[in-house]
Amino acid sequence: MEEDKENKDSVSINLDDSLVEGVYSNLAIVMHSQSEFILDFIRLLPHQQQSRVKSRIVMSPDNVKRLAHLLLKNIEDYEQNFGEIHLPEMSTNKGDGAEFQFSKHLKGEA
């Protein structure tokens, strides 16, 4: 009976073959309105003045907060196993490649 309840509550998630390799990103732009967060993932190449968004994820605020907690937990686990992740001084200089996150607030969107 307990096993039936567990099976009923579980979700099967399949990974399509076209997604197995993933998308590499070394820059993320995060924007938000009152009702959603937009996460753009970009691969910025050295000595290039332009790049394109490789992947865009749109999430509700509560799911972004869940993701943030999950990422923090995984970073803690990673650092416990492999040592502290050292970051260069964070900046918001466009295209310097020193940081992964640049946040922007979308005004006038609901």
PDB file of N, CA and C in Angstrom:
ATOM      1  N   MET A   1       0.823  -1.198   0.000  1.00  0.00           N
ATOM      2  CA  MET A   1       0.000   0.000   0.000  1.00  0.00           C
ATOM      3  C   MET A   1       0.869   1.264   0.000  1.00  0.00           C
ATOM      4  N   GLU A   2       1.907   1.272   0.838  1.00  0.00           N
ATOM      5  CA  GLU A   2       2.813   2.414   0.896  1.00  0.00           C
ATOM      6  C   GLU A   2       3.542   2.590  -0.433  1.00  0.00           C
ATOM      7  N   GLU A   3       3.913   1.469  -1.065  1.00  0.00           N
ATOM      8  CA  GLU A   3       4.600   1.524  -2.354  1.00  0.00           C
ATOM      9  C   GLU A   3       3.694   2.111  -3.428  1.00  0.00           C
ATOM     10  N   ASP A   4       2.397   1.782  -3.389  1.00  0.00           N
ATOM     11  CA  ASP A   4       1.445   2.338  -4.347  1.00  0.00           C
ATOM     12  C   ASP A   4       1.361   3.853  -4.200  1.00  0.00           C
ATOM     13  N   LYS A   5       1.366   4.343  -2.947  1.00  0.00           N
ATOM     14  CA  LYS A   5       1.300   5.788  -2.707  1.00  0.00           C
ATOM     15  C   LYS A   5       2.553   6.473  -3.249  1.00  0.00           C
ATOM     16  N   GLU A   6       3.724   5.860  -3.031  1.00  0.00           N
ATOM     17  CA  GLU A   6       4.965   6.436  -3.537  1.00  0.00           C
ATOM     18  C   GLU A   6       4.959   6.491  -5.057  1.00  0.00           C
ATOM     19  N   ASN A   7       4.500   5.429  -5.712  1.00  0.00           N
ATOM     20  CA  ASN A   7       4.437   5.407  -7.171  1.00  0.00           C
ATOM     21  C   ASN A   7       3.464   6.447  -7.697  1.00  0.00           C
ATOM     22  N   LYS A   8       2.377   6.663  -6.979  1.00  0.00           N
ATOM     23  CA  LYS A   8       1.364   7.636  -7.381  1.00  0.00           C
ATOM     24  C   LYS A   8       1.913   9.061  -7.303  1.00  0.00           C
ATOM     25  N   ASP A   9       2.787   9.321  -6.324  1.00  0.00           N
ATOM     26  CA  ASP A   9       3.342  10.656  -6.126  1.00  0.00           C
ATOM     27  C   ASP A   9       4.591  10.928  -6.966  1.00  0.00           C
ATOM     28  N   SER A  10       5.165   9.893  -7.576  1.00  0.00           N
ATOM     29  CA  SER A  10       6.398  10.097  -8.341  1.00  0.00           C
ATOM     30  C   SER A  10       6.087  10.530  -9.771  1.00  0.00           C
ATOM     31  N   VAL A  11       7.049  11.213 -10.359  1.00  0.00           N
ATOM     32  CA  VAL A  11       6.918  11.698 -11.725  1.00  0.00           C
ATOM     33  C   VAL A  11       8.075  11.128 -12.529  1.00  0.00           C
ATOM     34  N   SER A  12       7.786  10.607 -13.687  1.00  0.00           N
ATOM     35  CA  SER A  12       8.822  10.098 -14.576  1.00  0.00           C
ATOM     36  C   SER A  12       9.263  11.226 -15.505  1.00  0.00           C
ATOM     37  N   ILE A  13      10.563  11.494 -15.527  1.00  0.00           N
ATOM     38  CA  ILE A  13      11.103  12.558 -16.368  1.00  0.00           C
ATOM     39  C   ILE A  13      12.072  11.932 -17.362  1.00  0.00           C
ATOM     40  N   ASN A  14      11.829  12.165 -18.637  1.00  0.00           N
ATOM     41  CA  ASN A  14      12.689  11.634 -19.687  1.00  0.00           C
ATOM     42  C   ASN A  14      13.505  12.761 -20.300  1.00  0.00           C
ATOM     43  N   LEU A  15      14.731  12.453 -20.698  1.00  0.00           N
ATOM     44  CA  LEU A  15      15.614  13.419 -21.334  1.00  0.00           C
ATOM     45  C   LEU A  15      15.716  13.077 -22.812  1.00  0.00           C
ATOM     46  N   ASP A  16      15.224  13.978 -23.639  1.00  0.00           N
ATOM     47  CA  ASP A  16      15.264  13.787 -25.083  1.00  0.00           C
ATOM     48  C   ASP A  16      16.716  13.735 -25.556  1.00  0.00           C
ATOM     49  N   ASP A  17      16.998  12.884 -26.538  1.00  0.00           N
ATOM     50  CA  ASP A  17      18.362  12.736 -27.050  1.00  0.00           C
ATOM     51  C   ASP A  17      18.960  14.059 -27.513  1.00  0.00           C
ATOM     52  N   SER A  18      18.138  14.955 -28.020  1.00  0.00           N
ATOM     53  CA  SER A  18      18.648  16.238 -28.514  1.00  0.00           C
ATOM     54  C   SER A  18      19.111  17.156 -27.380  1.00  0.00           C
ATOM     55  N   LEU A  19      18.752  16.828 -26.134  1.00  0.00           N
ATOM     56  CA  LEU A  19      19.124  17.661 -24.987  1.00  0.00           C
ATOM     57  C   LEU A  19      20.255  17.075 -24.148  1.00  0.00           C
ATOM     58  N   VAL A  20      20.687  15.871 -24.471  1.00  0.00           N
ATOM     59  CA  VAL A  20      21.664  15.165 -23.645  1.00  0.00           C
ATOM     60  C   VAL A  20      22.959  15.955 -23.473  1.00  0.00           C
ATOM     61  N   GLU A  21      23.449  16.581 -24.529  1.00  0.00           N
ATOM     62  CA  GLU A  21      24.719  17.301 -24.454  1.00  0.00           C
ATOM     63  C   GLU A  21      24.620  18.587 -23.648  1.00  0.00           C
ATOM     64  N   GLY A  22      23.445  19.155 -23.520  1.00  0.00           N
ATOM     65  CA  GLY A  22      23.283  20.399 -22.781  1.00  0.00           C
ATOM     66  C   GLY A  22      23.756  21.598 -23.582  1.00  0.00           C
ATOM     67  N   VAL A  23      23.684  22.763 -22.967  1.00  0.00           N
ATOM     68  CA  VAL A  23      24.117  24.014 -23.586  1.00  0.00           C
ATOM     69  C   VAL A  23      25.109  24.664 -22.632  1.00  0.00           C
ATOM     70  N   TYR A  24      26.322  24.927 -23.102  1.00  0.00           N
ATOM     71  CA  TYR A  24      27.330  25.574 -22.267  1.00  0.00           C
ATOM     72  C   TYR A  24      27.060  27.073 -22.206  1.00  0.00           C
ATOM     73  N   SER A  25      27.165  27.630 -21.002  1.00  0.00           N
ATOM     74  CA  SER A  25      26.965  29.060 -20.804  1.00  0.00           C
ATOM     75  C   SER A  25      28.013  29.580 -19.831  1.00  0.00           C
ATOM     76  N   ASN A  26      28.580  30.749 -20.128  1.00  0.00           N
ATOM     77  CA  ASN A  26      29.503  31.381 -19.190  1.00  0.00           C
ATOM     78  C   ASN A  26      29.035  32.785 -18.801  1.00  0.00           C
ATOM     79  N   LEU A  27      27.797  33.100 -19.170  1.00  0.00           N
ATOM     80  CA  LEU A  27      27.202  34.383 -18.804  1.00  0.00           C
ATOM     81  C   LEU A  27      25.697  34.194 -18.683  1.00  0.00           C
ATOM     82  N   ALA A  28      25.116  34.737 -17.638  1.00  0.00           N
ATOM     83  CA  ALA A  28      23.665  34.685 -17.459  1.00  0.00           C
ATOM     84  C   ALA A  28      23.151  36.088 -17.196  1.00  0.00           C
ATOM     85  N   ILE A  29      22.044  36.402 -17.816  1.00  0.00           N
ATOM     86  CA  ILE A  29      21.364  37.672 -17.580  1.00  0.00           C
ATOM     87  C   ILE A  29      20.021  37.328 -16.956  1.00  0.00           C
ATOM     88  N   VAL A  30      19.737  37.939 -15.818  1.00  0.00           N
ATOM     89  CA  VAL A  30      18.497  37.660 -15.100  1.00  0.00           C
ATOM     90  C   VAL A  30      17.667  38.930 -15.069  1.00  0.00           C
ATOM     91  N   MET A  31      16.432  38.821 -15.526  1.00  0.00           N
ATOM     92  CA  MET A  31      15.496  39.946 -15.523  1.00  0.00           C
ATOM     93  C   MET A  31      14.225  39.486 -14.815  1.00  0.00           C
ATOM     94  N   HIS A  32      13.472  40.431 -14.292  1.00  0.00           N
ATOM     95  CA  HIS A  32      12.215  40.029 -13.663  1.00  0.00           C
ATOM     96  C   HIS A  32      11.169  41.129 -13.770  1.00  0.00           C
ATOM     97  N   SER A  33       9.933  40.676 -13.761  1.00  0.00           N
ATOM     98  CA  SER A  33       8.781  41.554 -13.606  1.00  0.00           C
ATOM     99  C   SER A  33       8.087  41.092 -12.332  1.00  0.00           C
ATOM    100  N   GLN A  34       6.930  41.607 -12.060  1.00  0.00           N
ATOM    101  CA  GLN A  34       6.213  41.197 -10.852  1.00  0.00           C
ATOM    102  C   GLN A  34       5.820  39.725 -10.909  1.00  0.00           C
ATOM    103  N   SER A  35       5.557  39.200 -12.095  1.00  0.00           N
ATOM    104  CA  SER A  35       4.992  37.859 -12.205  1.00  0.00           C
ATOM    105  C   SER A  35       5.939  36.788 -12.720  1.00  0.00           C
ATOM    106  N   GLU A  36       7.135  37.172 -13.200  1.00  0.00           N
ATOM    107  CA  GLU A  36       8.015  36.144 -13.753  1.00  0.00           C
ATOM    108  C   GLU A  36       9.474  36.585 -13.728  1.00  0.00           C
ATOM    109  N   PHE A  37      10.343  35.591 -13.778  1.00  0.00           N
ATOM    110  CA  PHE A  37      11.775  35.799 -13.941  1.00  0.00           C
ATOM    111  C   PHE A  37      12.163  35.247 -15.302  1.00  0.00           C
ATOM    112  N   ILE A  38      13.062  35.946 -15.966  1.00  0.00           N
ATOM    113  CA  ILE A  38      13.591  35.483 -17.243  1.00  0.00           C
ATOM    114  C   ILE A  38      15.088  35.292 -17.056  1.00  0.00           C
ATOM    115  N   LEU A  39      15.564  34.084 -17.343  1.00  0.00           N
ATOM    116  CA  LEU A  39      16.982  33.764 -17.233  1.00  0.00           C
ATOM    117  C   LEU A  39      17.504  33.489 -18.634  1.00  0.00           C
ATOM    118  N   ASP A  40      18.381  34.348 -19.117  1.00  0.00           N
ATOM    119  CA  ASP A  40      19.010  34.162 -20.423  1.00  0.00           C
ATOM    120  C   ASP A  40      20.418  33.629 -20.203  1.00  0.00           C
ATOM    121  N   PHE A  41      20.749  32.543 -20.901  1.00  0.00           N
ATOM    122  CA  PHE A  41      22.066  31.926 -20.804  1.00  0.00           C
ATOM    123  C   PHE A  41      22.810  32.141 -22.114  1.00  0.00           C
ATOM    124  N   ILE A  42      24.031  32.636 -21.997  1.00  0.00           N
ATOM    125  CA  ILE A  42      24.811  33.090 -23.143  1.00  0.00           C
ATOM    126  C   ILE A  42      26.196  32.448 -23.084  1.00  0.00           C
ATOM    127  N   ARG A  43      26.764  32.170 -24.243  1.00  0.00           N
ATOM    128  CA  ARG A  43      28.164  31.744 -24.328  1.00  0.00           C
ATOM    129  C   ARG A  43      28.939  32.906 -24.934  1.00  0.00           C
ATOM    130  N   LEU A  44      29.740  33.545 -24.104  1.00  0.00           N
ATOM    131  CA  LEU A  44      30.524  34.703 -24.529  1.00  0.00           C
ATOM    132  C   LEU A  44      31.938  34.229 -24.857  1.00  0.00           C
ATOM    133  N   LEU A  45      32.353  34.436 -26.094  1.00  0.00           N
ATOM    134  CA  LEU A  45      33.677  34.000 -26.532  1.00  0.00           C
ATOM    135  C   LEU A  45      34.676  35.141 -26.396  1.00  0.00           C
ATOM    136  N   PRO A  46      35.929  34.822 -26.078  1.00  0.00           N
ATOM    137  CA  PRO A  46      36.948  35.867 -25.941  1.00  0.00           C
ATOM    138  C   PRO A  46      37.111  36.665 -27.236  1.00  0.00           C
ATOM    139  N   HIS A  47      37.352  37.951 -27.086  1.00  0.00           N
ATOM    140  CA  HIS A  47      37.624  38.858 -28.203  1.00  0.00           C
ATOM    141  C   HIS A  47      36.443  39.006 -29.154  1.00  0.00           C
ATOM    142  N   GLN A  48      35.244  38.689 -28.700  1.00  0.00           N
ATOM    143  CA  GLN A  48      34.046  38.856 -29.524  1.00  0.00           C
ATOM    144  C   GLN A  48      33.186  39.939 -28.891  1.00  0.00           C
ATOM    145  N   GLN A  49      32.689  40.849 -29.700  1.00  0.00           N
ATOM    146  CA  GLN A  49      31.864  41.944 -29.204  1.00  0.00           C
ATOM    147  C   GLN A  49      30.385  41.593 -29.196  1.00  0.00           C
ATOM    148  N   GLN A  50      30.007  40.502 -29.839  1.00  0.00           N
ATOM    149  CA  GLN A  50      28.603  40.104 -29.892  1.00  0.00           C
ATOM    150  C   GLN A  50      28.463  38.636 -29.525  1.00  0.00           C
ATOM    151  N   SER A  51      27.294  38.319 -29.023  1.00  0.00           N
ATOM    152  CA  SER A  51      26.950  36.935 -28.743  1.00  0.00           C
ATOM    153  C   SER A  51      25.438  36.813 -28.829  1.00  0.00           C
ATOM    154  N   ARG A  52      24.956  35.600 -28.723  1.00  0.00           N
ATOM    155  CA  ARG A  52      23.517  35.356 -28.770  1.00  0.00           C
ATOM    156  C   ARG A  52      23.089  34.569 -27.549  1.00  0.00           C
ATOM    157  N   VAL A  53      21.843  34.764 -27.172  1.00  0.00           N
ATOM    158  CA  VAL A  53      21.265  33.961 -26.100  1.00  0.00           C
ATOM    159  C   VAL A  53      21.165  32.529 -26.611  1.00  0.00           C
ATOM    160  N   LYS A  54      21.728  31.592 -25.852  1.00  0.00           N
ATOM    161  CA  LYS A  54      21.702  30.182 -26.239  1.00  0.00           C
ATOM    162  C   LYS A  54      20.483  29.467 -25.671  1.00  0.00           C
ATOM    163  N   SER A  55      19.986  29.972 -24.534  1.00  0.00           N
ATOM    164  CA  SER A  55      18.822  29.350 -23.907  1.00  0.00           C
ATOM    165  C   SER A  55      18.121  30.393 -23.039  1.00  0.00           C
ATOM    166  N   ARG A  56      16.799  30.399 -23.056  1.00  0.00           N
ATOM    167  CA  ARG A  56      16.003  31.309 -22.228  1.00  0.00           C
ATOM    168  C   ARG A  56      15.034  30.464 -21.408  1.00  0.00           C
ATOM    169  N   ILE A  57      15.029  30.710 -20.109  1.00  0.00           N
ATOM    170  CA  ILE A  57      14.123  30.023 -19.195  1.00  0.00           C
ATOM    171  C   ILE A  57      13.246  31.086 -18.542  1.00  0.00           C
ATOM    172  N   VAL A  58      11.941  30.881 -18.559  1.00  0.00           N
ATOM    173  CA  VAL A  58      10.986  31.784 -17.912  1.00  0.00           C
ATOM    174  C   VAL A  58      10.362  31.009 -16.753  1.00  0.00           C
ATOM    175  N   MET A  59      10.429  31.588 -15.555  1.00  0.00           N
ATOM    176  CA  MET A  59       9.948  30.897 -14.356  1.00  0.00           C
ATOM    177  C   MET A  59       9.140  31.839 -13.471  1.00  0.00           C
ATOM    178  N   SER A  60       8.257  31.244 -12.676  1.00  0.00           N
ATOM    179  CA  SER A  60       7.505  32.013 -11.688  1.00  0.00           C
ATOM    180  C   SER A  60       8.437  32.350 -10.519  1.00  0.00           C
ATOM    181  N   PRO A  61       8.148  33.435  -9.781  1.00  0.00           N
ATOM    182  CA  PRO A  61       9.011  33.818  -8.656  1.00  0.00           C
ATOM    183  C   PRO A  61       9.193  32.705  -7.620  1.00  0.00           C
ATOM    184  N   ASP A  62       8.136  31.970  -7.297  1.00  0.00           N
ATOM    185  CA  ASP A  62       8.283  30.916  -6.295  1.00  0.00           C
ATOM    186  C   ASP A  62       9.175  29.784  -6.796  1.00  0.00           C
ATOM    187  N   ASN A  63       9.108  29.452  -8.075  1.00  0.00           N
ATOM    188  CA  ASN A  63       9.980  28.407  -8.603  1.00  0.00           C
ATOM    189  C   ASN A  63      11.425  28.875  -8.721  1.00  0.00           C
ATOM    190  N   VAL A  64      11.642  30.162  -8.985  1.00  0.00           N
ATOM    191  CA  VAL A  64      13.009  30.692  -9.002  1.00  0.00           C
ATOM    192  C   VAL A  64      13.610  30.607  -7.603  1.00  0.00           C
ATOM    193  N   LYS A  65      12.810  30.900  -6.589  1.00  0.00           N
ATOM    194  CA  LYS A  65      13.318  30.809  -5.217  1.00  0.00           C
ATOM    195  C   LYS A  65      13.653  29.363  -4.865  1.00  0.00           C
ATOM    196  N   ARG A  66      12.821  28.425  -5.294  1.00  0.00           N
ATOM    197  CA  ARG A  66      13.122  27.004  -5.078  1.00  0.00           C
ATOM    198  C   ARG A  66      14.429  26.628  -5.782  1.00  0.00           C
ATOM    199  N   LEU A  67      14.603  27.110  -7.008  1.00  0.00           N
ATOM    200  CA  LEU A  67      15.831  26.845  -7.760  1.00  0.00           C
ATOM    201  C   LEU A  67      17.040  27.427  -7.037  1.00  0.00           C
ATOM    202  N   ALA A  68      16.917  28.642  -6.519  1.00  0.00           N
ATOM    203  CA  ALA A  68      18.024  29.276  -5.798  1.00  0.00           C
ATOM    204  C   ALA A  68      18.430  28.441  -4.585  1.00  0.00           C
ATOM    205  N   HIS A  69      17.454  27.951  -3.835  1.00  0.00           N
ATOM    206  CA  HIS A  69      17.757  27.105  -2.673  1.00  0.00           C
ATOM    207  C   HIS A  69      18.432  25.808  -3.111  1.00  0.00           C
ATOM    208  N   LEU A  70      17.939  25.215  -4.185  1.00  0.00           N
ATOM    209  CA  LEU A  70      18.514  23.976  -4.703  1.00  0.00           C
ATOM    210  C   LEU A  70      19.953  24.197  -5.172  1.00  0.00           C
ATOM    211  N   LEU A  71      20.202  25.309  -5.853  1.00  0.00           N
ATOM    212  CA  LEU A  71      21.559  25.621  -6.303  1.00  0.00           C
ATOM    213  C   LEU A  71      22.497  25.837  -5.113  1.00  0.00           C
ATOM    214  N   LEU A  72      22.045  26.577  -4.100  1.00  0.00           N
ATOM    215  CA  LEU A  72      22.882  26.806  -2.916  1.00  0.00           C
ATOM    216  C   LEU A  72      23.230  25.499  -2.222  1.00  0.00           C
ATOM    217  N   LYS A  73      22.263  24.607  -2.101  1.00  0.00           N
ATOM    218  CA  LYS A  73      22.502  23.299  -1.479  1.00  0.00           C
ATOM    219  C   LYS A  73      23.530  22.512  -2.291  1.00  0.00           C
ATOM    220  N   ASN A  74      23.396  22.535  -3.607  1.00  0.00           N
ATOM    221  CA  ASN A  74      24.340  21.812  -4.455  1.00  0.00           C
ATOM    222  C   ASN A  74      25.734  22.429  -4.416  1.00  0.00           C
ATOM    223  N   ILE A  75      25.822  23.747  -4.301  1.00  0.00           N
ATOM    224  CA  ILE A  75      27.130  24.396  -4.163  1.00  0.00           C
ATOM    225  C   ILE A  75      27.784  23.977  -2.848  1.00  0.00           C
ATOM    226  N   GLU A  76      27.003  23.939  -1.767  1.00  0.00           N
ATOM    227  CA  GLU A  76      27.531  23.484  -0.476  1.00  0.00           C
ATOM    228  C   GLU A  76      28.060  22.062  -0.585  1.00  0.00           C
ATOM    229  N   ASP A  77      27.287  21.174  -1.216  1.00  0.00           N
ATOM    230  CA  ASP A  77      27.709  19.779  -1.393  1.00  0.00           C
ATOM    231  C   ASP A  77      28.976  19.696  -2.241  1.00  0.00           C
ATOM    232  N   TYR A  78      29.022  20.465  -3.316  1.00  0.00           N
ATOM    233  CA  TYR A  78      30.190  20.482  -4.201  1.00  0.00           C
ATOM    234  C   TYR A  78      31.433  20.904  -3.427  1.00  0.00           C
ATOM    235  N   GLU A  79      31.315  22.016  -2.677  1.00  0.00           N
ATOM    236  CA  GLU A  79      32.464  22.539  -1.946  1.00  0.00           C
ATOM    237  C   GLU A  79      32.903  21.593  -0.834  1.00  0.00           C
ATOM    238  N   GLN A  80      31.969  20.862  -0.272  1.00  0.00           N
ATOM    239  CA  GLN A  80      32.322  19.881   0.746  1.00  0.00           C
ATOM    240  C   GLN A  80      33.142  18.749   0.120  1.00  0.00           C
ATOM    241  N   ASN A  81      32.810  18.375  -1.102  1.00  0.00           N
ATOM    242  CA  ASN A  81      33.502  17.278  -1.779  1.00  0.00           C
ATOM    243  C   ASN A  81      34.782  17.714  -2.481  1.00  0.00           C
ATOM    244  N   PHE A  82      34.801  18.910  -3.053  1.00  0.00           N
ATOM    245  CA  PHE A  82      35.902  19.307  -3.929  1.00  0.00           C
ATOM    246  C   PHE A  82      36.641  20.570  -3.495  1.00  0.00           C
ATOM    247  N   GLY A  83      36.187  21.210  -2.441  1.00  0.00           N
ATOM    248  CA  GLY A  83      36.836  22.441  -1.988  1.00  0.00           C
ATOM    249  C   GLY A  83      36.074  23.678  -2.435  1.00  0.00           C
ATOM    250  N   GLU A  84      36.427  24.788  -1.804  1.00  0.00           N
ATOM    251  CA  GLU A  84      35.718  26.043  -2.058  1.00  0.00           C
ATOM    252  C   GLU A  84      35.891  26.518  -3.499  1.00  0.00           C
ATOM    253  N   ILE A  85      34.821  27.048  -4.049  1.00  0.00           N
ATOM    254  CA  ILE A  85      34.857  27.669  -5.369  1.00  0.00           C
ATOM    255  C   ILE A  85      35.287  29.116  -5.156  1.00  0.00           C
ATOM    256  N   HIS A  86      36.404  29.497  -5.752  1.00  0.00           N
ATOM    257  CA  HIS A  86      36.911  30.865  -5.615  1.00  0.00           C
ATOM    258  C   HIS A  86      36.509  31.665  -6.844  1.00  0.00           C
ATOM    259  N   LEU A  87      35.868  32.798  -6.619  1.00  0.00           N
ATOM    260  CA  LEU A  87      35.428  33.659  -7.708  1.00  0.00           C
ATOM    261  C   LEU A  87      36.335  34.870  -7.828  1.00  0.00           C
ATOM    262  N   PRO A  88      36.603  35.300  -9.063  1.00  0.00           N
ATOM    263  CA  PRO A  88      37.315  36.567  -9.216  1.00  0.00           C
ATOM    264  C   PRO A  88      36.413  37.691  -8.722  1.00  0.00           C
ATOM    265  N   GLU A  89      36.988  38.852  -8.490  1.00  0.00           N
ATOM    266  CA  GLU A  89      36.179  39.985  -8.044  1.00  0.00           C
ATOM    267  C   GLU A  89      35.034  40.190  -9.022  1.00  0.00           C
ATOM    268  N   MET A  90      33.827  40.266  -8.491  1.00  0.00           N
ATOM    269  CA  MET A  90      32.637  40.404  -9.327  1.00  0.00           C
ATOM    270  C   MET A  90      32.544  41.829  -9.853  1.00  0.00           C
ATOM    271  N   SER A  91      32.141  41.961 -11.120  1.00  0.00           N
ATOM    272  CA  SER A  91      31.941  43.281 -11.703  1.00  0.00           C
ATOM    273  C   SER A  91      30.756  43.218 -12.647  1.00  0.00           C
ATOM    274  N   THR A  92      30.329  44.365 -13.107  1.00  0.00           N
ATOM    275  CA  THR A  92      29.233  44.411 -14.078  1.00  0.00           C
ATOM    276  C   THR A  92      29.709  45.020 -15.387  1.00  0.00           C
ATOM    277  N   ASN A  93      31.012  44.982 -15.631  1.00  0.00           N
ATOM    278  CA  ASN A  93      31.539  45.480 -16.900  1.00  0.00           C
ATOM    279  C   ASN A  93      31.084  44.573 -18.026  1.00  0.00           C
ATOM    280  N   LYS A  94      30.462  45.165 -19.010  1.00  0.00           N
ATOM    281  CA  LYS A  94      29.908  44.404 -20.120  1.00  0.00           C
ATOM    282  C   LYS A  94      31.015  43.654 -20.862  1.00  0.00           C
ATOM    283  N   GLY A  95      30.849  42.336 -20.914  1.00  0.00           N
ATOM    284  CA  GLY A  95      31.738  41.530 -21.721  1.00  0.00           C
ATOM    285  C   GLY A  95      33.101  41.240 -21.129  1.00  0.00           C
ATOM    286  N   ASP A  96      33.305  41.520 -19.835  1.00  0.00           N
ATOM    287  CA  ASP A  96      34.629  41.250 -19.286  1.00  0.00           C
ATOM    288  C   ASP A  96      34.808  39.786 -18.905  1.00  0.00           C
ATOM    289  N   GLY A  97      33.714  39.019 -18.896  1.00  0.00           N
ATOM    290  CA  GLY A  97      33.799  37.594 -18.614  1.00  0.00           C
ATOM    291  C   GLY A  97      34.091  37.265 -17.164  1.00  0.00           C
ATOM    292  N   ALA A  98      34.163  38.265 -16.280  1.00  0.00           N
ATOM    293  CA  ALA A  98      34.529  38.020 -14.893  1.00  0.00           C
ATOM    294  C   ALA A  98      33.356  37.567 -14.048  1.00  0.00           C
ATOM    295  N   GLU A  99      32.175  37.806 -14.511  1.00  0.00           N
ATOM    296  CA  GLU A  99      31.033  37.432 -13.688  1.00  0.00           C
ATOM    297  C   GLU A  99      30.016  36.660 -14.514  1.00  0.00           C
ATOM    298  N   PHE A 100      29.165  35.948 -13.827  1.00  0.00           N
ATOM    299  CA  PHE A 100      28.182  35.108 -14.483  1.00  0.00           C
ATOM    300  C   PHE A 100      26.805  35.730 -14.432  1.00  0.00           C
ATOM    301  N   GLN A 101      26.598  36.681 -13.570  1.00  0.00           N
ATOM    302  CA  GLN A 101      25.246  37.188 -13.373  1.00  0.00           C
ATOM    303  C   GLN A 101      25.195  38.700 -13.515  1.00  0.00           C
ATOM    304  N   PHE A 102      24.233  39.151 -14.264  1.00  0.00           N
ATOM    305  CA  PHE A 102      23.935  40.575 -14.381  1.00  0.00           C
ATOM    306  C   PHE A 102      22.428  40.679 -14.297  1.00  0.00           C
ATOM    307  N   SER A 103      21.912  41.386 -13.318  1.00  0.00           N
ATOM    308  CA  SER A 103      20.469  41.441 -13.107  1.00  0.00           C
ATOM    309  C   SER A 103      19.879  42.716 -13.668  1.00  0.00           C
ATOM    310  N   LYS A 104      18.684  42.596 -14.173  1.00  0.00           N
ATOM    311  CA  LYS A 104      17.977  43.721 -14.757  1.00  0.00           C
ATOM    312  C   LYS A 104      16.509  43.603 -14.360  1.00  0.00           C
ATOM    313  N   HIS A 105      15.886  44.705 -14.038  1.00  0.00           N
ATOM    314  CA  HIS A 105      14.464  44.705 -13.707  1.00  0.00           C
ATOM    315  C   HIS A 105      13.690  45.178 -14.927  1.00  0.00           C
ATOM    316  N   LEU A 106      12.697  44.400 -15.339  1.00  0.00           N
ATOM    317  CA  LEU A 106      11.864  44.784 -16.476  1.00  0.00           C
ATOM    318  C   LEU A 106      10.777  45.718 -15.988  1.00  0.00           C
ATOM    319  N   LYS A 107      10.797  46.941 -16.405  1.00  0.00           N
ATOM    320  CA  LYS A 107       9.788  47.904 -15.973  1.00  0.00           C
ATOM    321  C   LYS A 107       8.603  47.873 -16.919  1.00  0.00           C
ATOM    322  N   GLY A 108       7.437  48.071 -16.350  1.00  0.00           N
ATOM    323  CA  GLY A 108       6.230  48.174 -17.154  1.00  0.00           C
ATOM    324  C   GLY A 108       5.667  46.851 -17.619  1.00  0.00           C
ATOM    325  N   GLU A 109       6.177  45.752 -17.087  1.00  0.00           N
ATOM    326  CA  GLU A 109       5.631  44.448 -17.462  1.00  0.00           C
ATOM    327  C   GLU A 109       4.936  43.837 -16.267  1.00  0.00           C
ATOM    328  N   ALA A 110       3.841  43.161 -16.552  1.00  0.00           N
ATOM    329  CA  ALA A 110       3.102  42.506 -15.473  1.00  0.00           C
ATOM    330  C   ALA A 110       3.366  41.036 -15.478  1.00  0.00           C
TER     331      ALA A 110
END
